[in-house]
């Protein structure tokens, strides 16, 4: 069997420690050929986010807050069953978990600084608005007596 292509980098020099990853394997649904009923190719990867020391405290806090809806007792779970081989599903699950943690622990975006609309643009908009209203008012046949 090939070796896993770890460690799985979350961001920068931070990566998921192999010791803290909990793997579970089960039979995958869907097509698979003759050995479909004998191989446990579906992978469930669990990572205890609440108790890990691998992530910096600030990242961990952010991730716990953002993934609150996905966590069960502080543990985040990722499933992979799209490939027929267990090894490829393990790779897919680990990469997905690393991406999930990278996104969840990313710093919040900088607040948008509202920009002022230049006076010329605003005046042009109001002028065109007035012209449009004049044109529409001119279409009504009120003053035709």
C-alpha atoms as a PDB file:
ATOM      1  CA  UNK A   1       0.000   0.000   0.000  1.00  0.00           C
ATOM      2  CA  UNK A   2       1.176   3.527  -0.758  1.00  0.00           C
ATOM      3  CA  UNK A   3       2.051   5.890   2.040  1.00  0.00           C
ATOM      4  CA  UNK A   4      -0.314   8.762   2.845  1.00  0.00           C
ATOM      5  CA  UNK A   5       0.839  12.065   1.414  1.00  0.00           C
ATOM      6  CA  UNK A   6       0.643  13.885   4.748  1.00  0.00           C
ATOM      7  CA  UNK A   7       1.143  16.053   6.705  1.00  0.00           C
ATOM      8  CA  UNK A   8      -1.968  17.982   5.757  1.00  0.00           C
ATOM      9  CA  UNK A   9      -1.202  21.687   5.886  1.00  0.00           C
ATOM     10  CA  UNK A  10      -4.001  23.907   7.158  1.00  0.00           C
ATOM     11  CA  UNK A  11      -2.248  27.220   6.487  1.00  0.00           C
ATOM     12  CA  UNK A  12       1.349  28.384   6.704  1.00  0.00           C
ATOM     13  CA  UNK A  13       3.376  26.114   8.978  1.00  0.00           C
ATOM     14  CA  UNK A  14       0.326  24.682  10.772  1.00  0.00           C
ATOM     15  CA  UNK A  15      -0.631  21.141   9.826  1.00  0.00           C
ATOM     16  CA  UNK A  16      -2.944  18.420  11.140  1.00  0.00           C
ATOM     17  CA  UNK A  17      -1.129  16.016  13.480  1.00  0.00           C
ATOM     18  CA  UNK A  18      -1.611  12.397  12.338  1.00  0.00           C
ATOM     19  CA  UNK A  19      -2.007  11.295  15.986  1.00  0.00           C
ATOM     20  CA  UNK A  20      -5.122  13.457  16.468  1.00  0.00           C
ATOM     21  CA  UNK A  21      -6.961  12.178  13.385  1.00  0.00           C
ATOM     22  CA  UNK A  22      -9.525   9.457  14.095  1.00  0.00           C
ATOM     23  CA  UNK A  23     -10.404   7.251  11.113  1.00  0.00           C
ATOM     24  CA  UNK A  24     -13.440   5.018  10.622  1.00  0.00           C
ATOM     25  CA  UNK A  25     -14.077   2.853   7.597  1.00  0.00           C
ATOM     26  CA  UNK A  26     -17.334   1.383   6.365  1.00  0.00           C
ATOM     27  CA  UNK A  27     -18.869  -0.005   3.210  1.00  0.00           C
ATOM     28  CA  UNK A  28     -19.552   2.645   0.668  1.00  0.00           C
ATOM     29  CA  UNK A  29     -22.824   2.919  -1.236  1.00  0.00           C
ATOM     30  CA  UNK A  30     -22.971   3.086  -5.016  1.00  0.00           C
ATOM     31  CA  UNK A  31     -21.242   1.120  -7.779  1.00  0.00           C
ATOM     32  CA  UNK A  32     -18.058  -0.774  -7.103  1.00  0.00           C
ATOM     33  CA  UNK A  33     -17.825  -3.982  -9.086  1.00  0.00           C
ATOM     34  CA  UNK A  34     -17.491  -7.502  -7.724  1.00  0.00           C
ATOM     35  CA  UNK A  35     -15.664  -6.625  -4.506  1.00  0.00           C
ATOM     36  CA  UNK A  36     -18.170  -3.934  -3.502  1.00  0.00           C
ATOM     37  CA  UNK A  37     -19.530  -5.975  -0.587  1.00  0.00           C
ATOM     38  CA  UNK A  38     -16.133  -6.852   0.852  1.00  0.00           C
ATOM     39  CA  UNK A  39     -14.214  -3.572   0.992  1.00  0.00           C
ATOM     40  CA  UNK A  40     -14.655  -0.800   3.507  1.00  0.00           C
ATOM     41  CA  UNK A  41     -13.932   2.070   1.165  1.00  0.00           C
ATOM     42  CA  UNK A  42     -16.014   4.855   2.762  1.00  0.00           C
ATOM     43  CA  UNK A  43     -13.906   6.971   5.091  1.00  0.00           C
ATOM     44  CA  UNK A  44     -15.060   9.006   8.066  1.00  0.00           C
ATOM     45  CA  UNK A  45     -12.399  11.313   9.471  1.00  0.00           C
ATOM     46  CA  UNK A  46     -12.912  12.873  12.890  1.00  0.00           C
ATOM     47  CA  UNK A  47     -10.845  15.651  14.441  1.00  0.00           C
ATOM     48  CA  UNK A  48     -11.277  16.882  18.015  1.00  0.00           C
ATOM     49  CA  UNK A  49     -11.197  20.628  17.433  1.00  0.00           C
ATOM     50  CA  UNK A  50     -12.054  21.517  21.033  1.00  0.00           C
ATOM     51  CA  UNK A  51      -9.101  19.630  22.568  1.00  0.00           C
ATOM     52  CA  UNK A  52      -6.410  20.020  19.908  1.00  0.00           C
ATOM     53  CA  UNK A  53      -3.162  21.849  20.611  1.00  0.00           C
ATOM     54  CA  UNK A  54      -2.097  21.846  16.940  1.00  0.00           C
ATOM     55  CA  UNK A  55      -3.905  25.081  16.035  1.00  0.00           C
ATOM     56  CA  UNK A  56      -2.985  28.497  17.466  1.00  0.00           C
ATOM     57  CA  UNK A  57      -5.480  29.624  20.125  1.00  0.00           C
ATOM     58  CA  UNK A  58      -6.916  32.440  17.981  1.00  0.00           C
ATOM     59  CA  UNK A  59      -7.493  30.107  15.000  1.00  0.00           C
ATOM     60  CA  UNK A  60      -9.061  27.497  17.260  1.00  0.00           C
ATOM     61  CA  UNK A  61     -11.467  30.043  18.759  1.00  0.00           C
ATOM     62  CA  UNK A  62     -12.485  31.269  15.304  1.00  0.00           C
ATOM     63  CA  UNK A  63     -12.938  27.736  13.970  1.00  0.00           C
ATOM     64  CA  UNK A  64     -15.011  26.650  16.983  1.00  0.00           C
ATOM     65  CA  UNK A  65     -17.260  29.679  16.519  1.00  0.00           C
ATOM     66  CA  UNK A  66     -17.691  29.289  12.749  1.00  0.00           C
ATOM     67  CA  UNK A  67     -18.136  25.505  12.724  1.00  0.00           C
ATOM     68  CA  UNK A  68     -20.449  25.446  15.766  1.00  0.00           C
ATOM     69  CA  UNK A  69     -23.302  23.979  13.701  1.00  0.00           C
ATOM     70  CA  UNK A  70     -21.132  21.110  12.422  1.00  0.00           C
ATOM     71  CA  UNK A  71     -19.508  20.127  15.699  1.00  0.00           C
ATOM     72  CA  UNK A  72     -20.623  17.288  17.949  1.00  0.00           C
ATOM     73  CA  UNK A  73     -18.964  17.653  21.380  1.00  0.00           C
ATOM     74  CA  UNK A  74     -16.199  19.726  19.799  1.00  0.00           C
ATOM     75  CA  UNK A  75     -15.433  17.088  17.144  1.00  0.00           C
ATOM     76  CA  UNK A  76     -15.649  17.891  13.416  1.00  0.00           C
ATOM     77  CA  UNK A  77     -16.421  14.992  11.052  1.00  0.00           C
ATOM     78  CA  UNK A  78     -15.715  14.696   7.321  1.00  0.00           C
ATOM     79  CA  UNK A  79     -16.874  11.815   5.082  1.00  0.00           C
ATOM     80  CA  UNK A  80     -15.513  10.709   1.726  1.00  0.00           C
ATOM     81  CA  UNK A  81     -16.853   7.924  -0.472  1.00  0.00           C
ATOM     82  CA  UNK A  82     -16.470   9.214  -4.022  1.00  0.00           C
ATOM     83  CA  UNK A  83     -13.550   6.925  -4.921  1.00  0.00           C
ATOM     84  CA  UNK A  84     -13.510   3.153  -5.113  1.00  0.00           C
ATOM     85  CA  UNK A  85     -10.288   2.795  -3.168  1.00  0.00           C
ATOM     86  CA  UNK A  86     -10.076   3.424   0.546  1.00  0.00           C
ATOM     87  CA  UNK A  87      -6.691   5.080   0.157  1.00  0.00           C
ATOM     88  CA  UNK A  88      -7.989   7.716  -2.255  1.00  0.00           C
ATOM     89  CA  UNK A  89     -10.985   8.335   0.003  1.00  0.00           C
ATOM     90  CA  UNK A  90      -8.603   8.826   2.951  1.00  0.00           C
ATOM     91  CA  UNK A  91      -6.709  11.398   0.913  1.00  0.00           C
ATOM     92  CA  UNK A  92      -9.934  13.156  -0.093  1.00  0.00           C
ATOM     93  CA  UNK A  93     -11.230  13.272   3.497  1.00  0.00           C
ATOM     94  CA  UNK A  94      -7.960  14.624   4.913  1.00  0.00           C
ATOM     95  CA  UNK A  95      -7.656  17.298   2.217  1.00  0.00           C
ATOM     96  CA  UNK A  96     -11.297  18.291   2.781  1.00  0.00           C
ATOM     97  CA  UNK A  97     -10.762  18.560   6.548  1.00  0.00           C
ATOM     98  CA  UNK A  98      -7.636  20.701   6.094  1.00  0.00           C
ATOM     99  CA  UNK A  99      -9.507  23.003   3.687  1.00  0.00           C
ATOM    100  CA  UNK A 100     -12.473  23.249   6.081  1.00  0.00           C
ATOM    101  CA  UNK A 101     -10.210  24.199   8.986  1.00  0.00           C
ATOM    102  CA  UNK A 102      -8.268  26.679   6.836  1.00  0.00           C
ATOM    103  CA  UNK A 103     -11.477  28.438   5.833  1.00  0.00           C
ATOM    104  CA  UNK A 104     -12.936  28.387   9.351  1.00  0.00           C
ATOM    105  CA  UNK A 105      -9.776  29.745  10.991  1.00  0.00           C
ATOM    106  CA  UNK A 106      -9.097  32.459   8.400  1.00  0.00           C
ATOM    107  CA  UNK A 107      -9.060  36.031   9.700  1.00  0.00           C
ATOM    108  CA  UNK A 108     -12.247  38.002   9.113  1.00  0.00           C
ATOM    109  CA  UNK A 109     -12.219  40.223   6.013  1.00  0.00           C
ATOM    110  CA  UNK A 110     -11.327  43.885   6.469  1.00  0.00           C
ATOM    111  CA  UNK A 111     -14.423  46.051   6.914  1.00  0.00           C
ATOM    112  CA  UNK A 112     -15.466  47.903   3.777  1.00  0.00           C
ATOM    113  CA  UNK A 113     -14.717  51.588   3.856  1.00  0.00           C
ATOM    114  CA  UNK A 114     -17.584  53.401   2.166  1.00  0.00           C
ATOM    115  CA  UNK A 115     -16.467  55.710  -0.596  1.00  0.00           C
ATOM    116  CA  UNK A 116     -18.054  59.070  -1.380  1.00  0.00           C
ATOM    117  CA  UNK A 117     -19.887  59.472  -4.660  1.00  0.00           C
ATOM    118  CA  UNK A 118     -18.253  62.327  -6.605  1.00  0.00           C
ATOM    119  CA  UNK A 119     -20.442  65.418  -6.803  1.00  0.00           C
ATOM    120  CA  UNK A 120     -20.382  65.482 -10.616  1.00  0.00           C
ATOM    121  CA  UNK A 121     -21.792  61.958 -10.872  1.00  0.00           C
ATOM    122  CA  UNK A 122     -24.548  62.722  -8.375  1.00  0.00           C
ATOM    123  CA  UNK A 123     -25.490  65.946 -10.164  1.00  0.00           C
ATOM    124  CA  UNK A 124     -25.602  64.149 -13.519  1.00  0.00           C
ATOM    125  CA  UNK A 125     -27.879  61.480 -12.043  1.00  0.00           C
ATOM    126  CA  UNK A 126     -30.272  64.101 -10.660  1.00  0.00           C
ATOM    127  CA  UNK A 127     -30.233  66.032 -13.972  1.00  0.00           C
ATOM    128  CA  UNK A 128     -31.063  62.878 -15.970  1.00  0.00           C
ATOM    129  CA  UNK A 129     -33.763  62.020 -13.462  1.00  0.00           C
ATOM    130  CA  UNK A 130     -35.351  65.447 -13.892  1.00  0.00           C
ATOM    131  CA  UNK A 131     -35.202  65.144 -17.714  1.00  0.00           C
ATOM    132  CA  UNK A 132     -36.810  61.717 -17.561  1.00  0.00           C
ATOM    133  CA  UNK A 133     -39.624  63.001 -15.349  1.00  0.00           C
ATOM    134  CA  UNK A 134     -40.180  65.967 -17.735  1.00  0.00           C
ATOM    135  CA  UNK A 135     -40.309  63.633 -20.722  1.00  0.00           C
ATOM    136  CA  UNK A 136     -42.837  61.364 -19.013  1.00  0.00           C
ATOM    137  CA  UNK A 137     -44.927  64.288 -17.836  1.00  0.00           C
ATOM    138  CA  UNK A 138     -44.970  65.605 -21.406  1.00  0.00           C
ATOM    139  CA  UNK A 139     -46.538  62.336 -22.573  1.00  0.00           C
ATOM    140  CA  UNK A 140     -49.682  62.727 -20.481  1.00  0.00           C
ATOM    141  CA  UNK A 141     -52.499  64.446 -22.359  1.00  0.00           C
ATOM    142  CA  UNK A 142     -53.614  66.575 -19.424  1.00  0.00           C
ATOM    143  CA  UNK A 143     -52.907  70.031 -20.826  1.00  0.00           C
ATOM    144  CA  UNK A 144     -54.464  69.393 -24.259  1.00  0.00           C
ATOM    145  CA  UNK A 145     -57.888  70.889 -23.878  1.00  0.00           C
END
